[in-house]
Amino acid sequence: MRGRKKSNGPTQAELEILNHLWERGPSTVKDLHEEVKKTSEVGYTTVLKFLQIMLTKGLVTRNEDERPHVYQAKASSEESKTNLLKDMVERAFGGSTKALLMHALGTQSVSSEELAEIRKEIEAMEKD
Protein backbone atom coordinates (compact mmCIF):
# COMPACT_ATOMS: atom_id res chain seq x y z
CA MET A 1 0.00 0.00 0.00
CA ARG A 2 1.39 3.36 -1.01
CA GLY A 3 1.51 6.27 1.40
CA ARG A 4 -1.55 8.46 1.18
CA LYS A 5 -1.00 11.94 -0.10
CA LYS A 6 -2.82 14.38 2.15
CA SER A 7 -5.04 16.67 0.14
CA ASN A 8 -4.64 20.36 0.82
CA GLY A 9 -7.91 21.03 -0.95
CA PRO A 10 -11.03 22.36 0.74
CA THR A 11 -13.32 20.24 2.88
CA GLN A 12 -17.06 20.29 2.12
CA ALA A 13 -17.64 23.03 4.71
CA GLU A 14 -14.72 25.08 3.35
CA LEU A 15 -16.05 24.63 -0.18
CA GLU A 16 -19.39 26.06 0.93
CA ILE A 17 -17.61 29.18 2.21
CA LEU A 18 -15.55 29.40 -0.99
CA ASN A 19 -18.74 29.22 -3.06
CA HIS A 20 -20.08 32.23 -1.17
CA LEU A 21 -16.80 34.09 -1.70
CA TRP A 22 -16.88 33.34 -5.44
CA GLU A 23 -20.48 34.58 -5.65
CA ARG A 24 -20.14 37.64 -3.38
CA GLY A 25 -16.51 38.56 -3.82
CA PRO A 26 -14.42 39.81 -0.88
CA SER A 27 -16.44 39.48 2.34
CA THR A 28 -16.22 39.85 6.10
CA VAL A 29 -16.83 36.99 8.52
CA LYS A 30 -20.19 38.56 9.36
CA ASP A 31 -21.21 38.64 5.68
CA LEU A 32 -20.20 35.01 5.20
CA HIS A 33 -21.90 33.90 8.40
CA GLU A 34 -25.16 35.52 7.23
CA GLU A 35 -24.96 33.50 3.99
CA VAL A 36 -23.95 30.18 5.58
CA LYS A 37 -26.62 30.30 8.29
CA LYS A 38 -29.32 30.41 5.60
CA THR A 39 -28.69 26.72 4.93
CA SER A 40 -27.07 25.38 8.10
CA GLU A 41 -26.94 26.09 11.80
CA VAL A 42 -23.36 27.33 12.00
CA GLY A 43 -22.19 29.89 14.50
CA TYR A 44 -20.17 33.00 13.77
CA THR A 45 -17.09 31.61 15.53
CA THR A 46 -17.27 28.41 13.47
CA VAL A 47 -17.19 30.41 10.23
CA LEU A 48 -14.28 32.43 11.63
CA LYS A 49 -12.40 29.23 12.56
CA PHE A 50 -12.95 27.78 9.07
CA LEU A 51 -11.62 30.99 7.52
CA GLN A 52 -8.54 30.87 9.76
CA ILE A 53 -7.89 27.26 8.70
CA MET A 54 -8.48 28.18 5.05
CA LEU A 55 -6.01 31.06 5.41
CA THR A 56 -3.38 28.62 6.74
CA LYS A 57 -4.13 26.21 3.86
CA GLY A 58 -3.72 29.03 1.35
CA LEU A 59 -7.32 28.86 0.14
CA VAL A 60 -8.17 32.45 1.06
CA THR A 61 -6.39 35.74 1.61
CA ARG A 62 -7.20 38.28 4.32
CA ASN A 63 -6.96 42.04 4.02
CA GLU A 64 -5.86 43.17 7.46
CA ASP A 65 -5.76 46.84 6.45
CA GLU A 66 -9.53 46.99 6.78
CA ARG A 67 -11.58 46.52 9.93
CA PRO A 68 -13.30 44.14 10.05
CA HIS A 69 -10.92 41.92 8.06
CA VAL A 70 -12.02 41.08 4.56
CA TYR A 71 -11.49 37.58 3.14
CA GLN A 72 -11.18 36.66 -0.51
CA ALA A 73 -10.81 33.34 -2.33
CA LYS A 74 -7.19 32.95 -3.43
CA ALA A 75 -8.02 30.97 -6.58
CA SER A 76 -10.91 31.29 -9.01
CA SER A 77 -13.80 28.86 -8.97
CA GLU A 78 -12.60 27.22 -12.19
CA GLU A 79 -9.01 26.85 -10.99
CA SER A 80 -10.19 25.35 -7.70
CA LYS A 81 -12.56 22.89 -9.42
CA THR A 82 -9.75 21.82 -11.75
CA ASN A 83 -7.42 21.20 -8.81
CA LEU A 84 -10.11 19.29 -6.88
CA LEU A 85 -10.85 17.12 -9.90
CA LYS A 86 -7.16 16.40 -10.56
CA ASP A 87 -6.73 15.43 -6.91
CA MET A 88 -9.78 13.15 -7.00
CA VAL A 89 -8.68 11.46 -10.25
CA GLU A 90 -5.26 10.80 -8.76
CA ARG A 91 -6.41 9.64 -5.33
CA ALA A 92 -9.65 7.79 -6.10
CA PHE A 93 -9.05 6.54 -9.64
CA GLY A 94 -5.30 5.94 -9.75
CA GLY A 95 -4.80 8.80 -12.20
CA SER A 96 -7.21 7.32 -14.76
CA THR A 97 -9.57 9.85 -16.32
CA LYS A 98 -11.27 6.96 -18.12
CA ALA A 99 -12.03 5.23 -14.80
CA LEU A 100 -13.50 8.47 -13.43
CA LEU A 101 -15.72 8.98 -16.47
CA MET A 102 -16.89 5.38 -16.61
CA HIS A 103 -17.72 5.46 -12.91
CA ALA A 104 -19.55 8.79 -13.24
CA LEU A 105 -21.55 7.63 -16.25
CA GLY A 106 -22.41 4.35 -14.52
CA THR A 107 -23.67 5.91 -11.30
CA GLN A 108 -25.69 8.85 -12.60
CA SER A 109 -28.59 8.96 -14.98
CA VAL A 110 -27.48 10.79 -18.11
CA SER A 111 -29.94 12.30 -20.58
CA SER A 112 -29.55 11.83 -24.32
CA GLU A 113 -28.86 15.57 -24.59
CA GLU A 114 -26.03 15.29 -22.07
CA LEU A 115 -24.58 12.28 -23.90
CA ALA A 116 -24.71 14.25 -27.16
CA GLU A 117 -22.80 17.10 -25.49
CA ILE A 118 -20.22 14.66 -24.12
CA ARG A 119 -19.76 13.15 -27.61
CA LYS A 120 -19.26 16.65 -29.08
CA GLU A 121 -16.62 17.44 -26.44
CA ILE A 122 -14.80 14.16 -27.13
CA GLU A 123 -14.88 14.80 -30.89
CA ALA A 124 -13.50 18.31 -30.35
CA MET A 125 -10.70 16.89 -28.19
CA GLU A 126 -9.85 14.32 -30.85
CA LYS A 127 -9.53 17.09 -33.44
CA ASP A 128 -7.09 19.01 -31.22
C-alpha atoms as a PDB file:
ATOM      1  CA  MET A   1       0.000   0.000   0.000  1.00  0.00           C
ATOM      2  CA  ARG A   2       1.386   3.363  -1.013  1.00  0.00           C
ATOM      3  CA  GLY A   3       1.512   6.272   1.398  1.00  0.00           C
ATOM      4  CA  ARG A   4      -1.549   8.460   1.177  1.00  0.00           C
ATOM      5  CA  LYS A   5      -1.002  11.936  -0.102  1.00  0.00           C
ATOM      6  CA  LYS A   6      -2.822  14.380   2.148  1.00  0.00           C
ATOM      7  CA  SER A   7      -5.042  16.666   0.141  1.00  0.00           C
ATOM      8  CA  ASN A   8      -4.636  20.365   0.818  1.00  0.00           C
ATOM      9  CA  GLY A   9      -7.914  21.026  -0.945  1.00  0.00           C
ATOM     10  CA  PRO A  10     -11.025  22.363   0.744  1.00  0.00           C
ATOM     11  CA  THR A  11     -13.321  20.240   2.878  1.00  0.00           C
ATOM     12  CA  GLN A  12     -17.057  20.287   2.118  1.00  0.00           C
ATOM     13  CA  ALA A  13     -17.639  23.030   4.708  1.00  0.00           C
ATOM     14  CA  GLU A  14     -14.725  25.079   3.348  1.00  0.00           C
ATOM     15  CA  LEU A  15     -16.046  24.633  -0.182  1.00  0.00           C
ATOM     16  CA  GLU A  16     -19.390  26.064   0.929  1.00  0.00           C
ATOM     17  CA  ILE A  17     -17.612  29.175   2.209  1.00  0.00           C
ATOM     18  CA  LEU A  18     -15.552  29.400  -0.987  1.00  0.00           C
ATOM     19  CA  ASN A  19     -18.741  29.215  -3.062  1.00  0.00           C
ATOM     20  CA  HIS A  20     -20.081  32.229  -1.169  1.00  0.00           C
ATOM     21  CA  LEU A  21     -16.796  34.090  -1.700  1.00  0.00           C
ATOM     22  CA  TRP A  22     -16.882  33.338  -5.438  1.00  0.00           C
ATOM     23  CA  GLU A  23     -20.483  34.579  -5.654  1.00  0.00           C
ATOM     24  CA  ARG A  24     -20.138  37.638  -3.378  1.00  0.00           C
ATOM     25  CA  GLY A  25     -16.508  38.564  -3.824  1.00  0.00           C
ATOM     26  CA  PRO A  26     -14.423  39.813  -0.882  1.00  0.00           C
ATOM     27  CA  SER A  27     -16.436  39.481   2.340  1.00  0.00           C
ATOM     28  CA  THR A  28     -16.223  39.852   6.096  1.00  0.00           C
ATOM     29  CA  VAL A  29     -16.826  36.986   8.524  1.00  0.00           C
ATOM     30  CA  LYS A  30     -20.188  38.558   9.361  1.00  0.00           C
ATOM     31  CA  ASP A  31     -21.210  38.637   5.683  1.00  0.00           C
ATOM     32  CA  LEU A  32     -20.199  35.007   5.196  1.00  0.00           C
ATOM     33  CA  HIS A  33     -21.898  33.904   8.404  1.00  0.00           C
ATOM     34  CA  GLU A  34     -25.156  35.517   7.227  1.00  0.00           C
ATOM     35  CA  GLU A  35     -24.956  33.500   3.988  1.00  0.00           C
ATOM     36  CA  VAL A  36     -23.953  30.184   5.576  1.00  0.00           C
ATOM     37  CA  LYS A  37     -26.617  30.299   8.291  1.00  0.00           C
ATOM     38  CA  LYS A  38     -29.325  30.413   5.598  1.00  0.00           C
ATOM     39  CA  THR A  39     -28.686  26.716   4.927  1.00  0.00           C
ATOM     40  CA  SER A  40     -27.070  25.378   8.102  1.00  0.00           C
ATOM     41  CA  GLU A  41     -26.940  26.087  11.803  1.00  0.00           C
ATOM     42  CA  VAL A  42     -23.364  27.329  11.996  1.00  0.00           C
ATOM     43  CA  GLY A  43     -22.187  29.886  14.501  1.00  0.00           C
ATOM     44  CA  TYR A  44     -20.170  32.997  13.766  1.00  0.00           C
ATOM     45  CA  THR A  45     -17.087  31.612  15.534  1.00  0.00           C
ATOM     46  CA  THR A  46     -17.272  28.415  13.473  1.00  0.00           C
ATOM     47  CA  VAL A  47     -17.190  30.412  10.230  1.00  0.00           C
ATOM     48  CA  LEU A  48     -14.279  32.431  11.629  1.00  0.00           C
ATOM     49  CA  LYS A  49     -12.401  29.231  12.556  1.00  0.00           C
ATOM     50  CA  PHE A  50     -12.949  27.784   9.072  1.00  0.00           C
ATOM     51  CA  LEU A  51     -11.621  30.993   7.521  1.00  0.00           C
ATOM     52  CA  GLN A  52      -8.540  30.869   9.756  1.00  0.00           C
ATOM     53  CA  ILE A  53      -7.893  27.261   8.697  1.00  0.00           C
ATOM     54  CA  MET A  54      -8.484  28.180   5.054  1.00  0.00           C
ATOM     55  CA  LEU A  55      -6.009  31.057   5.413  1.00  0.00           C
ATOM     56  CA  THR A  56      -3.383  28.615   6.740  1.00  0.00           C
ATOM     57  CA  LYS A  57      -4.125  26.208   3.864  1.00  0.00           C
ATOM     58  CA  GLY A  58      -3.723  29.028   1.346  1.00  0.00           C
ATOM     59  CA  LEU A  59      -7.321  28.856   0.136  1.00  0.00           C
ATOM     60  CA  VAL A  60      -8.166  32.455   1.061  1.00  0.00           C
ATOM     61  CA  THR A  61      -6.389  35.739   1.613  1.00  0.00           C
ATOM     62  CA  ARG A  62      -7.203  38.280   4.323  1.00  0.00           C
ATOM     63  CA  ASN A  63      -6.960  42.039   4.018  1.00  0.00           C
ATOM     64  CA  GLU A  64      -5.858  43.166   7.456  1.00  0.00           C
ATOM     65  CA  ASP A  65      -5.762  46.842   6.448  1.00  0.00           C
ATOM     66  CA  GLU A  66      -9.528  46.985   6.782  1.00  0.00           C
ATOM     67  CA  ARG A  67     -11.576  46.516   9.932  1.00  0.00           C
ATOM     68  CA  PRO A  68     -13.301  44.141  10.052  1.00  0.00           C
ATOM     69  CA  HIS A  69     -10.921  41.923   8.064  1.00  0.00           C
ATOM     70  CA  VAL A  70     -12.018  41.078   4.556  1.00  0.00           C
ATOM     71  CA  TYR A  71     -11.485  37.579   3.138  1.00  0.00           C
ATOM     72  CA  GLN A  72     -11.176  36.658  -0.508  1.00  0.00           C
ATOM     73  CA  ALA A  73     -10.812  33.336  -2.332  1.00  0.00           C
ATOM     74  CA  LYS A  74      -7.195  32.945  -3.431  1.00  0.00           C
ATOM     75  CA  ALA A  75      -8.016  30.968  -6.584  1.00  0.00           C
ATOM     76  CA  SER A  76     -10.913  31.290  -9.006  1.00  0.00           C
ATOM     77  CA  SER A  77     -13.803  28.860  -8.970  1.00  0.00           C
ATOM     78  CA  GLU A  78     -12.603  27.215 -12.188  1.00  0.00           C
ATOM     79  CA  GLU A  79      -9.009  26.849 -10.986  1.00  0.00           C
ATOM     80  CA  SER A  80     -10.194  25.349  -7.700  1.00  0.00           C
ATOM     81  CA  LYS A  81     -12.556  22.892  -9.418  1.00  0.00           C
ATOM     82  CA  THR A  82      -9.750  21.817 -11.751  1.00  0.00           C
ATOM     83  CA  ASN A  83      -7.419  21.203  -8.806  1.00  0.00           C
ATOM     84  CA  LEU A  84     -10.113  19.287  -6.883  1.00  0.00           C
ATOM     85  CA  LEU A  85     -10.845  17.116  -9.899  1.00  0.00           C
ATOM     86  CA  LYS A  86      -7.162  16.401 -10.559  1.00  0.00           C
ATOM     87  CA  ASP A  87      -6.734  15.427  -6.905  1.00  0.00           C
ATOM     88  CA  MET A  88      -9.779  13.149  -7.004  1.00  0.00           C
ATOM     89  CA  VAL A  89      -8.680  11.457 -10.250  1.00  0.00           C
ATOM     90  CA  GLU A  90      -5.257  10.801  -8.761  1.00  0.00           C
ATOM     91  CA  ARG A  91      -6.406   9.640  -5.328  1.00  0.00           C
ATOM     92  CA  ALA A  92      -9.645   7.794  -6.098  1.00  0.00           C
ATOM     93  CA  PHE A  93      -9.049   6.539  -9.640  1.00  0.00           C
ATOM     94  CA  GLY A  94      -5.297   5.939  -9.753  1.00  0.00           C
ATOM     95  CA  GLY A  95      -4.799   8.797 -12.197  1.00  0.00           C
ATOM     96  CA  SER A  96      -7.209   7.321 -14.764  1.00  0.00           C
ATOM     97  CA  THR A  97      -9.573   9.845 -16.317  1.00  0.00           C
ATOM     98  CA  LYS A  98     -11.272   6.959 -18.125  1.00  0.00           C
ATOM     99  CA  ALA A  99     -12.033   5.228 -14.805  1.00  0.00           C
ATOM    100  CA  LEU A 100     -13.503   8.465 -13.428  1.00  0.00           C
ATOM    101  CA  LEU A 101     -15.725   8.983 -16.475  1.00  0.00           C
ATOM    102  CA  MET A 102     -16.891   5.377 -16.613  1.00  0.00           C
ATOM    103  CA  HIS A 103     -17.721   5.463 -12.911  1.00  0.00           C
ATOM    104  CA  ALA A 104     -19.551   8.791 -13.237  1.00  0.00           C
ATOM    105  CA  LEU A 105     -21.548   7.625 -16.254  1.00  0.00           C
ATOM    106  CA  GLY A 106     -22.407   4.354 -14.518  1.00  0.00           C
ATOM    107  CA  THR A 107     -23.673   5.908 -11.304  1.00  0.00           C
ATOM    108  CA  GLN A 108     -25.691   8.849 -12.599  1.00  0.00           C
ATOM    109  CA  SER A 109     -28.590   8.959 -14.977  1.00  0.00           C
ATOM    110  CA  VAL A 110     -27.477  10.791 -18.110  1.00  0.00           C
ATOM    111  CA  SER A 111     -29.939  12.296 -20.576  1.00  0.00           C
ATOM    112  CA  SER A 112     -29.549  11.830 -24.320  1.00  0.00           C
ATOM    113  CA  GLU A 113     -28.859  15.570 -24.586  1.00  0.00           C
ATOM    114  CA  GLU A 114     -26.028  15.289 -22.070  1.00  0.00           C
ATOM    115  CA  LEU A 115     -24.585  12.280 -23.904  1.00  0.00           C
ATOM    116  CA  ALA A 116     -24.705  14.252 -27.159  1.00  0.00           C
ATOM    117  CA  GLU A 117     -22.799  17.097 -25.489  1.00  0.00           C
ATOM    118  CA  ILE A 118     -20.224  14.657 -24.125  1.00  0.00           C
ATOM    119  CA  ARG A 119     -19.765  13.151 -27.613  1.00  0.00           C
ATOM    120  CA  LYS A 120     -19.264  16.646 -29.082  1.00  0.00           C
ATOM    121  CA  GLU A 121     -16.619  17.435 -26.442  1.00  0.00           C
ATOM    122  CA  ILE A 122     -14.801  14.160 -27.132  1.00  0.00           C
ATOM    123  CA  GLU A 123     -14.878  14.802 -30.886  1.00  0.00           C
ATOM    124  CA  ALA A 124     -13.503  18.309 -30.353  1.00  0.00           C
ATOM    125  CA  MET A 125     -10.698  16.888 -28.186  1.00  0.00           C
ATOM    126  CA  GLU A 126      -9.850  14.316 -30.851  1.00  0.00           C
ATOM    127  CA  LYS A 127      -9.527  17.093 -33.443  1.00  0.00           C
ATOM    128  CA  ASP A 128      -7.092  19.011 -31.216  1.00  0.00           C
END
